[in-house]
N, C-alpha and C. Protein backbone atom coordinates (compact mmCIF):
# COMPACT_ATOMS: atom_id res chain seq x y z
N MET A 1 205.17 -40.40 -72.58
CA MET A 1 204.80 -41.31 -73.77
C MET A 1 205.33 -42.52 -73.23
N GLU A 2 205.60 -43.10 -72.29
CA GLU A 2 206.12 -44.51 -71.95
C GLU A 2 205.05 -45.16 -72.39
N ASN A 3 205.29 -46.65 -72.75
CA ASN A 3 206.39 -47.06 -72.71
C ASN A 3 206.94 -46.90 -74.19
N THR A 4 206.20 -46.23 -75.07
CA THR A 4 206.85 -45.68 -76.44
C THR A 4 208.79 -44.97 -76.34
N ILE A 5 208.52 -43.99 -75.55
CA ILE A 5 209.45 -43.27 -75.52
C ILE A 5 209.52 -43.14 -73.93
N TRP A 6 210.78 -43.27 -73.34
CA TRP A 6 211.11 -42.96 -72.00
C TRP A 6 212.31 -41.58 -71.81
N PRO A 7 211.96 -41.06 -70.78
CA PRO A 7 212.98 -40.15 -70.46
C PRO A 7 214.37 -40.47 -70.89
N GLY A 8 214.92 -39.78 -71.03
CA GLY A 8 216.55 -40.33 -71.92
C GLY A 8 216.96 -41.10 -72.77
N ASP A 9 215.62 -41.66 -73.91
CA ASP A 9 215.72 -41.75 -74.77
C ASP A 9 216.23 -41.10 -75.53
N LEU A 10 217.17 -41.36 -76.84
CA LEU A 10 217.65 -40.40 -78.15
C LEU A 10 216.22 -40.75 -79.26
N MET A 11 215.90 -39.96 -79.92
CA MET A 11 215.12 -40.02 -80.68
C MET A 11 215.57 -39.14 -82.08
N VAL A 12 215.17 -40.43 -83.06
CA VAL A 12 215.35 -39.52 -84.48
C VAL A 12 213.95 -39.03 -85.18
N MET A 13 213.97 -37.87 -86.00
CA MET A 13 212.74 -37.90 -85.98
C MET A 13 213.03 -36.90 -87.97
N ASP A 14 212.12 -37.68 -88.34
CA ASP A 14 211.82 -37.16 -89.87
C ASP A 14 211.19 -35.72 -90.31
N ARG A 15 211.75 -34.85 -90.87
CA ARG A 15 210.80 -33.50 -90.83
C ARG A 15 209.93 -33.88 -92.06
N THR A 16 208.92 -33.82 -91.45
CA THR A 16 207.73 -33.51 -92.59
C THR A 16 206.23 -33.05 -91.75
N THR A 17 205.55 -32.46 -92.56
CA THR A 17 204.54 -32.16 -91.96
C THR A 17 203.22 -32.65 -91.98
N GLN A 18 203.29 -33.95 -92.80
CA GLN A 18 202.46 -34.92 -93.29
C GLN A 18 202.20 -35.94 -92.71
N VAL A 19 200.78 -36.19 -91.70
CA VAL A 19 201.10 -37.17 -90.46
C VAL A 19 200.10 -37.96 -90.87
N HIS A 20 199.75 -39.35 -90.29
CA HIS A 20 198.75 -40.60 -90.18
C HIS A 20 198.59 -40.26 -89.12
N ARG A 21 197.34 -40.97 -89.06
CA ARG A 21 196.57 -41.31 -87.51
C ARG A 21 197.44 -42.45 -86.89
N GLY A 22 198.00 -42.61 -85.40
CA GLY A 22 199.02 -43.28 -85.21
C GLY A 22 200.29 -42.92 -84.81
N ASP A 23 200.65 -42.05 -85.90
CA ASP A 23 202.34 -41.61 -86.03
C ASP A 23 202.66 -40.86 -84.39
N VAL A 24 203.65 -40.75 -84.18
CA VAL A 24 203.97 -40.33 -82.74
C VAL A 24 205.01 -39.21 -83.71
N ILE A 25 204.73 -37.71 -83.13
CA ILE A 25 205.16 -36.67 -83.59
C ILE A 25 205.45 -35.47 -82.63
N VAL A 26 206.18 -34.62 -83.03
CA VAL A 26 207.11 -33.82 -82.32
C VAL A 26 206.51 -32.60 -83.22
N GLU A 27 205.82 -31.55 -81.70
CA GLU A 27 204.66 -30.57 -82.26
C GLU A 27 205.47 -29.28 -81.70
N GLN A 28 204.82 -28.47 -81.79
CA GLN A 28 204.56 -26.93 -80.88
C GLN A 28 203.43 -26.49 -80.62
N GLN A 29 203.27 -25.60 -80.04
CA GLN A 29 201.88 -25.19 -79.70
C GLN A 29 201.74 -23.48 -79.94
N PRO A 30 201.59 -22.92 -80.57
CA PRO A 30 201.86 -21.48 -80.78
C PRO A 30 201.06 -20.68 -79.49
N SER A 31 199.99 -21.18 -79.19
CA SER A 31 199.48 -20.73 -77.95
C SER A 31 200.02 -20.67 -76.55
N THR A 32 201.00 -21.67 -76.61
CA THR A 32 201.90 -21.95 -75.24
C THR A 32 203.28 -21.39 -75.28
N GLY A 33 203.66 -20.41 -76.32
CA GLY A 33 205.12 -19.98 -76.43
C GLY A 33 205.92 -21.39 -76.71
N PRO A 34 207.32 -20.84 -76.95
CA PRO A 34 208.25 -21.71 -77.41
C PRO A 34 208.19 -23.35 -76.39
N GLY A 35 209.15 -24.47 -77.21
CA GLY A 35 208.86 -25.63 -76.81
C GLY A 35 208.00 -27.02 -77.13
N TYR A 36 208.46 -27.96 -77.01
CA TYR A 36 208.34 -28.90 -77.99
C TYR A 36 207.44 -29.84 -77.27
N PHE A 37 206.29 -30.93 -77.87
CA PHE A 37 205.77 -31.59 -77.25
C PHE A 37 205.54 -32.66 -78.14
N ILE A 38 205.55 -34.30 -77.61
CA ILE A 38 205.74 -35.24 -78.00
C ILE A 38 204.34 -36.31 -78.03
N ARG A 39 203.39 -36.24 -79.04
CA ARG A 39 202.22 -36.96 -78.78
C ARG A 39 201.90 -37.60 -79.78
N ARG A 40 200.95 -38.50 -79.81
CA ARG A 40 200.34 -39.51 -81.16
C ARG A 40 199.07 -38.94 -81.04
N VAL A 41 199.10 -39.06 -82.96
CA VAL A 41 198.08 -38.62 -83.27
C VAL A 41 196.82 -39.90 -83.36
N ILE A 42 195.67 -39.29 -82.85
CA ILE A 42 194.79 -40.26 -82.70
C ILE A 42 193.63 -39.76 -84.15
N GLY A 43 193.33 -38.62 -84.01
CA GLY A 43 192.51 -37.91 -84.97
C GLY A 43 192.70 -36.77 -85.91
N LEU A 44 192.41 -36.65 -86.97
CA LEU A 44 192.73 -35.77 -88.06
C LEU A 44 191.30 -35.06 -88.15
N PRO A 45 191.60 -33.96 -88.69
CA PRO A 45 190.34 -32.66 -88.79
C PRO A 45 189.31 -33.56 -89.54
N GLY A 46 188.37 -33.20 -89.00
CA GLY A 46 186.76 -34.09 -89.51
C GLY A 46 186.39 -35.56 -88.70
N ASP A 47 187.57 -36.07 -87.94
CA ASP A 47 187.43 -37.39 -87.60
C ASP A 47 186.66 -37.06 -86.21
N HIS A 48 185.73 -38.66 -85.85
CA HIS A 48 184.80 -38.24 -84.85
C HIS A 48 185.46 -39.25 -83.70
N VAL A 49 185.66 -38.66 -82.58
CA VAL A 49 186.90 -39.62 -81.93
C VAL A 49 185.82 -39.60 -80.20
N ALA A 50 186.06 -40.77 -79.97
CA ALA A 50 184.87 -41.27 -78.69
C ALA A 50 185.71 -42.30 -77.86
N CYS A 51 185.21 -42.36 -76.47
CA CYS A 51 185.85 -43.36 -75.76
C CYS A 51 184.81 -43.13 -74.55
N CYS A 52 184.53 -44.48 -74.12
CA CYS A 52 184.67 -45.65 -74.79
C CYS A 52 183.49 -46.57 -75.06
N ASN A 53 183.98 -47.61 -75.92
CA ASN A 53 182.66 -48.07 -76.41
C ASN A 53 182.66 -49.37 -74.93
N ALA A 54 181.46 -50.13 -75.98
CA ALA A 54 181.10 -51.35 -74.52
C ALA A 54 182.51 -51.74 -74.26
N ARG A 55 182.98 -52.09 -75.13
CA ARG A 55 184.48 -53.03 -74.50
C ARG A 55 185.44 -51.95 -73.94
N GLY A 56 185.43 -51.22 -73.87
CA GLY A 56 186.27 -50.28 -72.69
C GLY A 56 187.58 -49.43 -74.05
N ARG A 57 187.06 -49.61 -75.47
CA ARG A 57 188.08 -49.04 -75.99
C ARG A 57 187.61 -47.67 -76.95
N MET A 58 189.21 -47.16 -77.34
CA MET A 58 188.50 -45.93 -78.11
C MET A 58 188.15 -46.07 -79.24
N THR A 59 187.52 -45.38 -79.94
CA THR A 59 187.15 -45.43 -81.38
C THR A 59 187.21 -44.18 -82.33
N VAL A 60 187.86 -44.29 -83.88
CA VAL A 60 188.05 -43.40 -84.12
C VAL A 60 186.81 -43.80 -85.63
N ASN A 61 185.80 -42.19 -85.94
CA ASN A 61 184.96 -42.94 -87.11
C ASN A 61 184.04 -44.07 -86.62
N GLY A 62 184.03 -44.65 -85.51
CA GLY A 62 183.56 -45.61 -85.39
C GLY A 62 184.08 -47.44 -85.35
N LYS A 63 185.62 -47.09 -85.74
CA LYS A 63 186.40 -48.07 -85.93
C LYS A 63 187.11 -48.00 -84.12
N PRO A 64 186.70 -49.57 -83.51
CA PRO A 64 187.57 -49.56 -82.24
C PRO A 64 189.23 -49.51 -82.66
N LEU A 65 189.72 -49.43 -81.61
CA LEU A 65 191.44 -49.01 -81.63
C LEU A 65 191.84 -50.39 -80.52
N ASP A 66 192.60 -51.22 -80.84
CA ASP A 66 193.71 -51.77 -80.00
C ASP A 66 194.97 -51.45 -79.70
N GLU A 67 194.97 -50.68 -78.40
CA GLU A 67 195.68 -49.66 -78.40
C GLU A 67 197.16 -50.33 -77.36
N THR A 68 197.78 -51.09 -78.12
CA THR A 68 198.71 -52.11 -77.35
C THR A 68 200.02 -51.31 -76.85
N TYR A 69 199.94 -49.93 -77.26
CA TYR A 69 201.10 -49.55 -76.98
C TYR A 69 201.20 -48.34 -75.61
N LEU A 70 200.09 -48.61 -75.07
CA LEU A 70 199.52 -48.03 -73.77
C LEU A 70 200.32 -48.23 -72.92
N TYR A 71 200.83 -47.31 -71.93
CA TYR A 71 201.45 -47.71 -70.87
C TYR A 71 200.66 -49.08 -69.81
N PRO A 72 201.24 -49.89 -69.64
CA PRO A 72 200.89 -50.74 -68.92
C PRO A 72 199.40 -50.80 -67.73
N ALA A 73 198.52 -51.47 -67.71
CA ALA A 73 197.21 -51.08 -66.94
C ALA A 73 196.62 -49.51 -66.84
N ASP A 74 197.20 -49.02 -68.21
CA ASP A 74 196.60 -47.69 -68.70
C ASP A 74 195.33 -48.10 -69.13
N ALA A 75 194.04 -47.32 -69.04
CA ALA A 75 192.82 -47.36 -69.87
C ALA A 75 192.89 -46.34 -70.77
N PRO A 76 192.05 -46.68 -71.92
CA PRO A 76 192.28 -45.87 -72.84
C PRO A 76 191.81 -44.35 -72.90
N SER A 77 191.10 -44.08 -71.84
CA SER A 77 190.93 -42.70 -71.22
C SER A 77 189.88 -43.02 -69.64
N PRO A 78 190.51 -42.75 -68.39
CA PRO A 78 189.51 -42.86 -67.44
C PRO A 78 188.52 -41.63 -67.38
N THR A 79 188.18 -40.86 -68.36
CA THR A 79 187.08 -40.00 -68.30
C THR A 79 186.63 -40.31 -69.72
N PRO A 80 185.14 -39.82 -69.91
CA PRO A 80 184.70 -40.26 -71.06
C PRO A 80 184.67 -39.28 -72.09
N PHE A 81 184.73 -39.13 -74.15
CA PHE A 81 184.44 -38.31 -74.57
C PHE A 81 183.86 -38.42 -75.83
N SER A 82 183.12 -37.52 -76.70
CA SER A 82 182.83 -37.70 -77.73
C SER A 82 182.75 -36.53 -78.48
N ILE A 83 184.02 -36.52 -79.61
CA ILE A 83 184.00 -35.22 -80.20
C ILE A 83 184.52 -35.34 -81.87
N THR A 84 184.25 -34.49 -82.60
CA THR A 84 184.45 -34.09 -84.05
C THR A 84 185.78 -33.20 -83.90
N VAL A 85 186.62 -33.77 -84.49
CA VAL A 85 187.62 -32.81 -84.85
C VAL A 85 187.73 -31.45 -85.82
N PRO A 86 187.66 -30.39 -84.84
CA PRO A 86 187.36 -29.60 -85.98
C PRO A 86 188.90 -28.93 -87.11
N ALA A 87 188.64 -28.47 -88.10
CA ALA A 87 189.08 -28.16 -89.40
C ALA A 87 190.52 -27.44 -88.81
N GLY A 88 191.70 -27.90 -89.25
CA GLY A 88 193.06 -27.16 -88.98
C GLY A 88 193.31 -27.70 -87.44
N LYS A 89 193.04 -28.67 -86.95
CA LYS A 89 193.23 -29.14 -85.50
C LYS A 89 193.45 -30.65 -85.54
N LEU A 90 194.11 -31.37 -84.36
CA LEU A 90 194.13 -32.34 -83.98
C LEU A 90 193.96 -33.29 -83.10
N TRP A 91 193.57 -34.17 -82.62
CA TRP A 91 193.20 -34.95 -81.46
C TRP A 91 194.72 -35.93 -81.16
N LEU A 92 195.40 -35.51 -79.85
CA LEU A 92 196.69 -35.76 -79.75
C LEU A 92 196.43 -36.54 -78.28
N LEU A 93 197.15 -37.51 -78.14
CA LEU A 93 197.00 -38.14 -76.57
C LEU A 93 198.41 -38.80 -76.36
N GLY A 94 198.73 -38.81 -75.28
CA GLY A 94 200.05 -39.45 -75.04
C GLY A 94 199.72 -40.95 -74.53
N ASP A 95 200.75 -42.05 -74.61
CA ASP A 95 200.87 -43.09 -74.22
C ASP A 95 200.12 -43.36 -72.95
N HIS A 96 201.13 -42.62 -71.46
CA HIS A 96 200.80 -42.83 -70.64
C HIS A 96 199.50 -41.99 -70.01
N ARG A 97 198.50 -42.81 -70.42
CA ARG A 97 197.42 -41.96 -70.68
C ARG A 97 197.09 -41.32 -68.96
N SER A 98 197.28 -41.95 -67.82
CA SER A 98 196.93 -41.47 -66.77
C SER A 98 197.40 -40.60 -66.01
N ILE A 99 198.82 -40.20 -66.79
CA ILE A 99 199.11 -38.78 -66.29
C ILE A 99 199.40 -37.99 -67.64
N ALA A 100 198.98 -38.35 -68.97
CA ALA A 100 199.14 -37.28 -69.84
C ALA A 100 198.67 -36.04 -69.85
N LEU A 101 198.73 -34.59 -70.49
CA LEU A 101 198.50 -33.63 -70.53
C LEU A 101 198.18 -33.96 -72.05
N ASP A 102 197.06 -33.62 -72.98
CA ASP A 102 196.84 -34.05 -73.85
C ASP A 102 195.56 -33.07 -74.56
N SER A 103 194.44 -34.03 -75.69
CA SER A 103 193.78 -33.19 -76.10
C SER A 103 192.57 -33.60 -74.89
N ARG A 104 192.39 -34.69 -73.97
CA ARG A 104 191.29 -35.46 -73.50
C ARG A 104 190.99 -33.83 -72.80
N THR A 105 192.08 -33.12 -71.88
CA THR A 105 191.88 -32.03 -71.28
C THR A 105 191.87 -30.54 -71.75
N GLU A 106 192.83 -30.52 -72.88
CA GLU A 106 192.99 -29.07 -73.42
C GLU A 106 192.07 -29.59 -75.13
N GLY A 107 191.34 -30.13 -75.61
CA GLY A 107 190.50 -30.17 -76.47
C GLY A 107 191.95 -30.61 -77.79
N PRO A 108 190.72 -30.19 -79.16
CA PRO A 108 191.70 -30.42 -80.06
C PRO A 108 192.91 -29.36 -80.13
N LEU A 109 193.96 -29.57 -80.62
CA LEU A 109 194.84 -28.61 -80.88
C LEU A 109 195.24 -28.24 -82.19
N ALA A 110 195.65 -27.32 -82.29
CA ALA A 110 196.06 -26.02 -83.60
C ALA A 110 197.34 -26.25 -83.28
N VAL A 111 198.32 -27.14 -84.05
CA VAL A 111 199.65 -27.22 -83.65
C VAL A 111 200.50 -27.23 -85.03
N GLN A 112 202.06 -26.50 -84.54
CA GLN A 112 202.85 -26.67 -85.76
C GLN A 112 203.53 -27.62 -85.73
N VAL A 113 203.53 -28.94 -86.49
CA VAL A 113 204.20 -30.08 -86.86
C VAL A 113 205.62 -30.05 -87.05
N VAL A 114 206.53 -30.56 -86.12
CA VAL A 114 207.97 -30.18 -86.60
C VAL A 114 208.63 -31.62 -87.43
N GLY A 115 207.68 -32.49 -86.83
CA GLY A 115 208.36 -34.12 -87.59
C GLY A 115 207.58 -35.17 -86.96
N ARG A 116 208.10 -36.48 -87.50
CA ARG A 116 207.86 -37.62 -87.14
C ARG A 116 208.61 -38.36 -86.44
N VAL A 117 208.44 -38.82 -85.25
CA VAL A 117 209.24 -39.94 -84.70
C VAL A 117 209.66 -41.20 -85.34
N SER A 118 210.43 -41.41 -85.84
CA SER A 118 210.85 -42.89 -86.41
C SER A 118 211.60 -43.89 -85.89
N LEU A 119 212.45 -43.33 -85.09
CA LEU A 119 213.56 -44.46 -84.20
C LEU A 119 213.83 -43.81 -82.99
N VAL A 120 213.67 -44.75 -82.01
CA VAL A 120 213.97 -44.48 -80.67
C VAL A 120 215.70 -45.13 -80.41
N ILE A 121 216.27 -44.75 -79.75
CA ILE A 121 217.63 -45.48 -79.50
C ILE A 121 217.83 -45.78 -77.63
N ARG A 122 217.17 -46.55 -77.09
CA ARG A 122 217.27 -46.94 -75.40
C ARG A 122 218.58 -47.54 -75.31
N SER A 123 219.53 -47.53 -74.49
CA SER A 123 220.29 -47.90 -74.10
C SER A 123 221.25 -48.77 -74.96
N GLY A 124 221.44 -48.34 -76.46
CA GLY A 124 222.18 -48.40 -77.34
C GLY A 124 221.48 -49.37 -78.18
N GLN A 125 220.44 -49.53 -77.87
CA GLN A 125 219.29 -50.39 -78.93
C GLN A 125 218.17 -49.39 -79.73
N ALA A 126 218.37 -49.91 -80.81
CA ALA A 126 217.35 -49.14 -81.75
C ALA A 126 215.59 -49.50 -82.40
N ILE A 127 215.14 -49.13 -81.74
CA ILE A 127 213.65 -49.42 -81.82
C ILE A 127 212.91 -48.51 -83.00
N PHE A 128 212.51 -48.91 -83.88
CA PHE A 128 211.94 -48.33 -84.96
C PHE A 128 210.59 -48.39 -84.65
N LEU A 129 210.18 -47.02 -84.91
CA LEU A 129 208.76 -46.74 -84.55
C LEU A 129 207.49 -46.79 -85.90
N ARG A 130 206.42 -48.23 -85.91
CA ARG A 130 206.02 -47.99 -87.08
C ARG A 130 204.18 -47.78 -86.81
N THR A 131 203.68 -47.33 -87.93
CA THR A 131 202.53 -47.39 -87.92
C THR A 131 201.66 -48.32 -86.86
N PRO A 132 200.94 -48.24 -85.99
CA PRO A 132 200.44 -49.20 -84.95
C PRO A 132 199.55 -50.37 -85.98
N HIS A 133 199.65 -51.52 -85.97
CA HIS A 133 198.72 -52.48 -86.84
C HIS A 133 197.52 -51.98 -86.53
N THR A 134 196.85 -51.75 -85.08
CA THR A 134 195.52 -51.25 -85.04
C THR A 134 194.81 -50.27 -86.57
N PHE A 135 195.67 -49.03 -86.57
CA PHE A 135 195.01 -48.06 -87.46
C PHE A 135 195.13 -48.27 -88.74
N ALA A 136 196.40 -49.15 -89.45
CA ALA A 136 196.09 -49.90 -90.52
C ALA A 136 194.99 -50.88 -90.71
N ALA A 137 194.82 -51.92 -89.73
CA ALA A 137 193.75 -52.72 -90.18
C ALA A 137 192.53 -52.20 -90.01
N ALA A 138 192.51 -51.03 -89.43
CA ALA A 138 191.11 -50.65 -89.51
C ALA A 138 190.69 -49.54 -90.74
N GLY A 139 191.97 -49.38 -91.40
CA GLY A 139 191.54 -48.90 -92.49
C GLY A 139 191.94 -46.92 -92.27
N LEU A 140 192.35 -46.88 -91.26
CA LEU A 140 192.64 -45.30 -90.58
C LEU A 140 194.13 -44.97 -90.84
N ALA A 141 194.78 -45.74 -91.24
CA ALA A 141 196.25 -45.10 -91.39
C ALA A 141 196.80 -46.15 -92.67
N PRO A 142 197.86 -45.89 -93.58
CA PRO A 142 198.29 -46.47 -94.68
C PRO A 142 199.14 -47.76 -93.96
N ALA A 143 199.37 -48.86 -94.54
CA ALA A 143 200.04 -49.69 -93.94
C ALA A 143 201.62 -49.39 -94.07
N ASN A 144 202.60 -50.09 -93.57
CA ASN A 144 203.97 -49.43 -93.51
C ASN A 144 204.60 -50.63 -94.45
N SER A 145 204.74 -49.74 -95.63
CA SER A 145 205.12 -50.85 -96.95
C SER A 145 206.53 -50.11 -97.21
N GLN A 146 206.88 -48.58 -96.75
CA GLN A 146 208.03 -48.20 -97.25
C GLN A 146 208.96 -48.39 -95.85
N THR A 147 210.46 -48.34 -96.31
CA THR A 147 211.16 -48.56 -95.41
C THR A 147 211.64 -47.05 -94.91
N PRO A 148 211.70 -47.26 -93.41
CA PRO A 148 211.91 -45.77 -92.54
C PRO A 148 212.85 -45.05 -93.03
N PRO A 149 212.62 -43.52 -93.07
CA PRO A 149 214.08 -43.03 -93.80
C PRO A 149 214.85 -43.07 -92.56
N ALA A 150 214.55 -43.26 -91.42
CA ALA A 150 215.92 -43.18 -90.28
C ALA A 150 216.40 -44.48 -90.32
N LEU A 151 215.97 -46.00 -91.00
CA LEU A 151 216.45 -46.92 -91.41
C LEU A 151 217.28 -47.14 -92.44
N ILE A 152 217.24 -46.21 -93.28
CA ILE A 152 218.42 -45.92 -94.48
C ILE A 152 219.09 -45.23 -93.92
N GLY A 153 219.19 -44.06 -93.13
CA GLY A 153 219.98 -43.40 -92.71
C GLY A 153 221.08 -44.35 -91.88
N ALA A 154 220.41 -45.12 -91.01
CA ALA A 154 221.57 -45.82 -89.93
C ALA A 154 222.08 -46.88 -90.96
N ILE A 155 221.46 -47.36 -92.01
CA ILE A 155 222.46 -48.44 -92.99
C ILE A 155 223.29 -47.60 -93.35
N VAL A 156 223.16 -46.33 -94.00
CA VAL A 156 224.52 -45.91 -94.81
C VAL A 156 225.47 -45.54 -93.80
N VAL A 157 225.07 -44.75 -92.50
CA VAL A 157 226.01 -44.54 -91.52
C VAL A 157 226.81 -45.63 -90.69
N GLY A 158 226.04 -47.19 -91.07
CA GLY A 158 226.56 -48.54 -90.94
C GLY A 158 227.67 -48.68 -92.21
N LEU A 159 227.32 -48.53 -93.09
CA LEU A 159 228.22 -48.92 -93.90
C LEU A 159 229.65 -48.22 -94.01
N ALA A 160 229.27 -46.45 -94.03
CA ALA A 160 230.27 -45.63 -93.75
C ALA A 160 231.36 -46.12 -92.99
N VAL A 161 230.90 -46.90 -91.36
CA VAL A 161 231.46 -46.79 -90.53
C VAL A 161 232.18 -48.04 -90.68
N VAL A 162 231.96 -49.11 -91.51
CA VAL A 162 232.66 -50.40 -91.86
C VAL A 162 233.75 -50.15 -92.61
N LEU A 163 233.05 -49.26 -93.76
CA LEU A 163 234.04 -48.76 -94.90
C LEU A 163 235.22 -48.40 -94.26
N LEU A 164 234.70 -47.54 -93.35
CA LEU A 164 236.03 -46.53 -92.45
C LEU A 164 237.05 -47.40 -91.77
N LEU A 165 236.52 -48.39 -91.28
CA LEU A 165 237.44 -49.24 -90.38
C LEU A 165 238.21 -49.88 -91.08
N ALA A 166 237.71 -50.38 -92.83
CA ALA A 166 238.52 -51.09 -93.04
C ALA A 166 239.36 -50.83 -93.87
N LEU A 167 239.40 -49.18 -94.41
CA LEU A 167 240.55 -48.80 -94.80
C LEU A 167 241.47 -48.30 -93.83
N ALA A 168 240.92 -48.06 -92.54
CA ALA A 168 242.11 -48.02 -91.57
C ALA A 168 242.90 -49.31 -91.24
N ILE A 169 242.39 -50.57 -91.05
CA ILE A 169 242.97 -51.96 -91.34
C ILE A 169 244.24 -51.56 -92.26
N PHE A 170 243.30 -51.79 -93.71
CA PHE A 170 244.22 -51.84 -94.41
C PHE A 170 245.68 -50.77 -94.60
N GLY A 171 245.29 -49.54 -94.37
CA GLY A 171 246.55 -48.79 -93.93
C GLY A 171 247.29 -48.87 -92.77
N LEU A 172 246.73 -49.58 -91.99
CA LEU A 172 247.76 -49.93 -90.70
C LEU A 172 248.27 -51.35 -90.93
N ILE A 173 247.94 -52.16 -91.91
CA ILE A 173 248.73 -53.41 -92.41
C ILE A 173 249.89 -53.03 -93.25
N ARG A 174 249.97 -51.96 -94.48
CA ARG A 174 250.74 -51.69 -94.89
C ARG A 174 251.91 -50.84 -94.58
N TYR A 175 251.30 -49.92 -93.27
CA TYR A 175 252.46 -49.36 -92.47
C TYR A 175 253.47 -50.19 -91.83
N THR A 176 252.89 -51.16 -90.98
CA THR A 176 253.30 -52.05 -90.51
C THR A 176 254.53 -53.03 -91.42
N MET A 177 253.89 -53.39 -92.75
CA MET A 177 254.50 -54.16 -93.56
C MET A 177 256.04 -53.40 -93.90
N ARG A 178 255.88 -52.11 -94.27
CA ARG A 178 256.99 -51.18 -94.65
C ARG A 178 257.81 -50.74 -93.58
N ARG A 179 257.40 -50.45 -92.40
CA ARG A 179 258.22 -50.40 -91.13
C ARG A 179 258.92 -51.72 -91.02
N ARG A 180 258.80 -53.18 -91.19
CA ARG A 180 259.44 -54.00 -90.99
C ARG A 180 260.28 -54.46 -92.38
N ARG A 181 260.00 -53.77 -93.24
CA ARG A 181 260.97 -53.58 -94.46
C ARG A 181 262.38 -52.83 -94.13
N GLY A 182 261.85 -51.78 -93.59
CA GLY A 182 262.58 -50.83 -93.01
C GLY A 182 263.82 -51.20 -92.18
N SER A 183 263.30 -52.11 -91.60
CA SER A 183 263.88 -52.34 -90.33
C SER A 183 265.20 -53.36 -90.23
N ARG A 184 264.65 -53.97 -91.45
CA ARG A 184 265.69 -55.30 -91.49
C ARG A 184 267.43 -55.12 -91.77
N PRO A 185 268.06 -55.59 -91.46
CA PRO A 185 269.54 -55.56 -91.48
C PRO A 185 270.13 -55.40 -92.83
N ALA A 186 270.94 -54.96 -93.41
CA ALA A 186 271.76 -54.88 -94.95
C ALA A 186 272.10 -56.05 -94.93
N GLU A 187 271.92 -57.15 -96.19
CA GLU A 187 272.52 -58.32 -96.11
C GLU A 187 274.22 -57.96 -96.70
N PRO A 188 275.07 -58.69 -96.22
CA PRO A 188 276.71 -58.42 -97.05
C PRO A 188 276.83 -59.10 -98.55
N HIS A 189 276.84 -58.35 -98.86
CA HIS A 189 277.51 -58.71 -100.50
C HIS A 189 278.65 -59.25 -100.43
N SER A 190 278.66 -60.22 -101.31
CA SER A 190 279.86 -61.37 -101.63
C SER A 190 280.56 -60.63 -103.10
N VAL A 191 281.84 -60.55 -102.53
CA VAL A 191 282.74 -60.24 -103.57
C VAL A 191 283.75 -61.36 -103.96
N SER A 192 283.67 -61.48 -105.07
CA SER A 192 285.00 -62.55 -105.99
C SER A 192 285.96 -61.88 -106.41
N VAL A 193 287.51 -62.51 -105.70
CA VAL A 193 288.57 -61.73 -106.08
C VAL A 193 289.14 -62.65 -107.04
N GLY A 194 289.83 -62.56 -107.75
CA GLY A 194 290.34 -63.07 -109.11
C GLY A 194 291.75 -63.30 -108.15
N HIS A 195 292.76 -64.36 -108.86
CA HIS A 195 294.31 -64.58 -108.61
C HIS A 195 294.60 -63.64 -109.55
N THR A 196 295.43 -62.87 -109.04
CA THR A 196 296.76 -62.52 -110.68
C THR A 196 297.89 -62.92 -110.53
N TRP A 197 298.48 -63.29 -111.53
CA TRP A 197 300.02 -63.68 -111.60
C TRP A 197 301.06 -62.88 -112.10
N ASP A 198 301.67 -62.38 -111.33
CA ASP A 198 302.92 -61.30 -111.57
C ASP A 198 304.65 -62.21 -111.98
N GLY A 199 304.48 -62.69 -113.24
CA GLY A 199 305.53 -63.62 -113.20
C GLY A 199 306.75 -62.92 -114.41
N ALA A 200 307.49 -62.74 -114.22
CA ALA A 200 308.18 -62.78 -115.18
C ALA A 200 308.67 -63.80 -116.90
N GLN A 201 308.72 -63.46 -117.56
CA GLN A 201 308.60 -64.36 -118.96
C GLN A 201 309.98 -64.53 -119.65
N SER A 202 310.37 -65.48 -119.49
CA SER A 202 311.59 -66.09 -119.77
C SER A 202 312.35 -66.04 -121.41
């Protein structure tokens, strides 16, 4: 799935079985046994997917895709195809098309969708995956108008960390101040002593 996902990247997945064209999903294929696969949804059941048109682009229901997410220098598909996705199956492709094993060789896939990848963490950097603009512009997928659940989770975790740090710092300050008060030497008390006259009365 390079360049979208590289080996060693950490991924955050939204648990859902509802997917749109353009989504990067985690899926299982019952026919191949246990194991997870990560691919991009290009076609849904009933879609006509073909490659390539006169400009070298893949089309979905006749609408060309500007696949900016592809691995550099990769073509949408080295081999031509034209297929209508049957019911209950998806047309799934990898982003590194020159080496990906996907629907171009395996055909439309009947898979169990585990979830949608919404966040990739690479070298400490958070990369939020949104629906590619080309799918929304062509009316093939809804525009990203909602805040990704992964972003909400990251914000909540960030606020919780900040709050915990603030409480820890506040507690440390109070502890230090109490220790300083307890270590101060006791101040001497002044006592006034009155003079007494012990004389005999004549």
